[in-house]
Amino acid sequence: MSEINQKNLMKESGAYIVNLNKTLKSIKLDILVDFICPDTSNIIVVTNKVTNSSDLQTIEHYIKSASHIN
């Protein structure tokens, strides 16, 4: 992950968490995102429960479609 993407992610992380939680709630999932943190080449997403692969795909799709992250 580039340094520019990391800065953009951290600047907007609160909004991403709120929007992710709204999305997860609207599709009737029991998980909530608690924390987002960039790593050297990935993004770490901390949730309140262990997630299955379809839940992770939903989170991944949202983050990839975010307008500030390339």
N, C-alpha and C. Protein backbone atom coordinates (compact mmCIF):
# COMPACT_ATOMS: atom_id res chain seq x y z
N MET A 1 0.84 -1.17 0.00
CA MET A 1 0.00 0.00 0.00
C MET A 1 0.89 1.23 0.00
N SER A 2 0.61 2.15 -0.88
CA SER A 2 1.45 3.34 -0.98
C SER A 2 1.22 4.26 0.22
N GLU A 3 2.18 5.12 0.43
CA GLU A 3 2.10 6.04 1.57
C GLU A 3 0.93 7.00 1.43
N ILE A 4 0.63 7.41 0.20
CA ILE A 4 -0.51 8.30 -0.05
C ILE A 4 -1.81 7.59 0.32
N ASN A 5 -1.96 6.33 -0.09
CA ASN A 5 -3.15 5.57 0.25
C ASN A 5 -3.27 5.37 1.75
N GLN A 6 -2.16 5.14 2.43
CA GLN A 6 -2.19 4.98 3.88
C GLN A 6 -2.68 6.26 4.56
N LYS A 7 -2.17 7.39 4.12
CA LYS A 7 -2.59 8.66 4.71
C LYS A 7 -4.07 8.92 4.46
N ASN A 8 -4.53 8.67 3.23
CA ASN A 8 -5.94 8.86 2.91
C ASN A 8 -6.82 7.92 3.73
N LEU A 9 -6.38 6.69 3.88
CA LEU A 9 -7.16 5.73 4.67
C LEU A 9 -7.27 6.18 6.12
N MET A 10 -6.18 6.60 6.72
CA MET A 10 -6.20 7.00 8.12
C MET A 10 -7.00 8.29 8.31
N LYS A 11 -6.93 9.20 7.35
CA LYS A 11 -7.67 10.45 7.46
C LYS A 11 -9.18 10.19 7.45
N GLU A 12 -9.61 9.22 6.67
CA GLU A 12 -11.03 8.92 6.52
C GLU A 12 -11.46 7.65 7.25
N SER A 13 -10.62 7.11 8.12
CA SER A 13 -10.92 5.80 8.73
C SER A 13 -12.21 5.82 9.55
N GLY A 14 -12.49 6.90 10.24
CA GLY A 14 -13.74 6.99 11.01
C GLY A 14 -14.96 6.87 10.11
N ALA A 15 -14.92 7.57 9.00
CA ALA A 15 -16.05 7.50 8.06
C ALA A 15 -16.15 6.11 7.44
N TYR A 16 -15.01 5.48 7.12
CA TYR A 16 -15.04 4.13 6.58
C TYR A 16 -15.64 3.15 7.56
N ILE A 17 -15.29 3.28 8.83
CA ILE A 17 -15.82 2.37 9.85
C ILE A 17 -17.33 2.54 9.97
N VAL A 18 -17.79 3.78 10.03
CA VAL A 18 -19.23 4.05 10.14
C VAL A 18 -19.96 3.48 8.93
N ASN A 19 -19.46 3.74 7.73
CA ASN A 19 -20.12 3.26 6.51
C ASN A 19 -20.07 1.74 6.39
N LEU A 20 -18.95 1.15 6.77
CA LEU A 20 -18.86 -0.31 6.75
C LEU A 20 -19.87 -0.93 7.71
N ASN A 21 -19.99 -0.36 8.90
CA ASN A 21 -20.93 -0.89 9.87
C ASN A 21 -22.38 -0.74 9.40
N LYS A 22 -22.69 0.38 8.75
CA LYS A 22 -24.03 0.56 8.17
C LYS A 22 -24.30 -0.48 7.10
N THR A 23 -23.29 -0.72 6.25
CA THR A 23 -23.44 -1.71 5.19
C THR A 23 -23.64 -3.11 5.76
N LEU A 24 -22.83 -3.46 6.75
CA LEU A 24 -22.94 -4.79 7.36
C LEU A 24 -24.28 -4.96 8.06
N LYS A 25 -24.76 -3.91 8.70
CA LYS A 25 -26.06 -3.97 9.38
C LYS A 25 -27.20 -4.08 8.38
N SER A 26 -27.09 -3.36 7.25
CA SER A 26 -28.16 -3.38 6.26
C SER A 26 -28.32 -4.73 5.58
N ILE A 27 -27.25 -5.52 5.54
CA ILE A 27 -27.37 -6.86 4.97
C ILE A 27 -27.49 -7.92 6.06
N LYS A 28 -27.86 -7.45 7.25
CA LYS A 28 -28.23 -8.33 8.37
C LYS A 28 -27.08 -9.20 8.88
N LEU A 29 -25.87 -8.65 8.90
CA LEU A 29 -24.75 -9.39 9.47
C LEU A 29 -24.55 -8.99 10.93
N ASP A 30 -24.02 -9.90 11.72
CA ASP A 30 -23.82 -9.68 13.14
C ASP A 30 -22.48 -9.06 13.49
N ILE A 31 -21.64 -8.83 12.52
CA ILE A 31 -20.30 -8.31 12.82
C ILE A 31 -20.27 -6.80 12.69
N LEU A 32 -19.35 -6.19 13.41
CA LEU A 32 -19.09 -4.75 13.33
C LEU A 32 -17.59 -4.53 13.21
N VAL A 33 -17.22 -3.53 12.46
CA VAL A 33 -15.81 -3.16 12.33
C VAL A 33 -15.46 -2.23 13.48
N ASP A 34 -14.41 -2.58 14.22
CA ASP A 34 -13.97 -1.77 15.35
C ASP A 34 -12.81 -0.85 15.01
N PHE A 35 -11.95 -1.28 14.09
CA PHE A 35 -10.68 -0.57 13.87
C PHE A 35 -10.16 -0.89 12.49
N ILE A 36 -9.58 0.10 11.81
CA ILE A 36 -8.91 -0.09 10.52
C ILE A 36 -7.52 0.51 10.64
N CYS A 37 -6.52 -0.24 10.17
CA CYS A 37 -5.14 0.22 10.26
C CYS A 37 -4.37 -0.25 9.03
N PRO A 38 -3.63 0.62 8.37
CA PRO A 38 -2.83 0.18 7.23
C PRO A 38 -1.57 -0.54 7.71
N ASP A 39 -1.19 -1.57 6.98
CA ASP A 39 0.05 -2.29 7.20
C ASP A 39 0.96 -1.92 6.03
N THR A 40 2.14 -2.49 5.94
CA THR A 40 3.06 -2.13 4.86
C THR A 40 2.48 -2.43 3.48
N SER A 41 1.77 -3.52 3.33
CA SER A 41 1.21 -3.84 2.01
C SER A 41 -0.27 -4.23 2.07
N ASN A 42 -0.89 -4.17 3.24
CA ASN A 42 -2.28 -4.58 3.41
C ASN A 42 -3.01 -3.61 4.31
N ILE A 43 -4.27 -3.93 4.55
CA ILE A 43 -5.08 -3.19 5.50
C ILE A 43 -5.54 -4.18 6.56
N ILE A 44 -5.39 -3.80 7.82
CA ILE A 44 -5.85 -4.64 8.92
C ILE A 44 -7.20 -4.11 9.35
N VAL A 45 -8.20 -5.01 9.37
CA VAL A 45 -9.54 -4.66 9.80
C VAL A 45 -9.88 -5.52 11.01
N VAL A 46 -10.16 -4.88 12.13
CA VAL A 46 -10.49 -5.59 13.36
C VAL A 46 -12.00 -5.56 13.53
N THR A 47 -12.59 -6.73 13.74
CA THR A 47 -14.04 -6.83 13.92
C THR A 47 -14.36 -7.35 15.31
N ASN A 48 -15.63 -7.25 15.68
CA ASN A 48 -16.04 -7.67 17.01
C ASN A 48 -16.21 -9.18 17.13
N LYS A 49 -16.27 -9.89 16.02
CA LYS A 49 -16.44 -11.35 16.01
C LYS A 49 -15.56 -11.94 14.92
N VAL A 50 -15.34 -13.24 15.01
CA VAL A 50 -14.65 -13.95 13.94
C VAL A 50 -15.58 -13.97 12.74
N THR A 51 -15.06 -13.63 11.58
CA THR A 51 -15.90 -13.54 10.38
C THR A 51 -15.67 -14.74 9.47
N ASN A 52 -16.66 -14.98 8.61
CA ASN A 52 -16.48 -16.01 7.60
C ASN A 52 -16.04 -15.34 6.30
N SER A 53 -15.77 -16.14 5.29
CA SER A 53 -15.19 -15.59 4.06
C SER A 53 -16.15 -14.64 3.33
N SER A 54 -17.45 -14.88 3.38
CA SER A 54 -18.38 -13.98 2.69
C SER A 54 -18.43 -12.62 3.37
N ASP A 55 -18.31 -12.59 4.71
CA ASP A 55 -18.26 -11.32 5.43
C ASP A 55 -17.00 -10.54 5.04
N LEU A 56 -15.89 -11.25 4.95
CA LEU A 56 -14.63 -10.61 4.57
C LEU A 56 -14.69 -10.08 3.14
N GLN A 57 -15.37 -10.79 2.26
CA GLN A 57 -15.52 -10.33 0.88
C GLN A 57 -16.34 -9.05 0.83
N THR A 58 -17.35 -8.94 1.67
CA THR A 58 -18.15 -7.72 1.74
C THR A 58 -17.29 -6.54 2.17
N ILE A 59 -16.48 -6.74 3.20
CA ILE A 59 -15.59 -5.68 3.68
C ILE A 59 -14.56 -5.32 2.61
N GLU A 60 -13.98 -6.33 1.99
CA GLU A 60 -12.98 -6.10 0.94
C GLU A 60 -13.58 -5.32 -0.23
N HIS A 61 -14.79 -5.69 -0.64
CA HIS A 61 -15.45 -5.00 -1.75
C HIS A 61 -15.67 -3.52 -1.40
N TYR A 62 -16.11 -3.24 -0.18
CA TYR A 62 -16.33 -1.85 0.22
C TYR A 62 -15.03 -1.06 0.18
N ILE A 63 -13.98 -1.61 0.75
CA ILE A 63 -12.71 -0.88 0.81
C ILE A 63 -12.14 -0.67 -0.58
N LYS A 64 -12.25 -1.67 -1.46
CA LYS A 64 -11.75 -1.49 -2.83
C LYS A 64 -12.55 -0.46 -3.60
N SER A 65 -13.83 -0.29 -3.26
CA SER A 65 -14.64 0.67 -3.99
C SER A 65 -14.57 2.08 -3.39
N ALA A 66 -13.85 2.24 -2.29
CA ALA A 66 -13.71 3.56 -1.68
C ALA A 66 -12.98 4.50 -2.64
N SER A 67 -13.46 5.71 -2.73
CA SER A 67 -12.94 6.62 -3.75
C SER A 67 -11.54 7.17 -3.45
N HIS A 68 -11.11 7.16 -2.19
CA HIS A 68 -9.81 7.74 -1.85
C HIS A 68 -8.67 6.74 -1.87
N ILE A 69 -8.97 5.47 -2.13
CA ILE A 69 -7.94 4.44 -2.07
C ILE A 69 -7.75 3.86 -3.46
N ASN A 70 -6.51 3.88 -3.94
CA ASN A 70 -6.20 3.30 -5.25
C ASN A 70 -5.76 1.86 -5.09
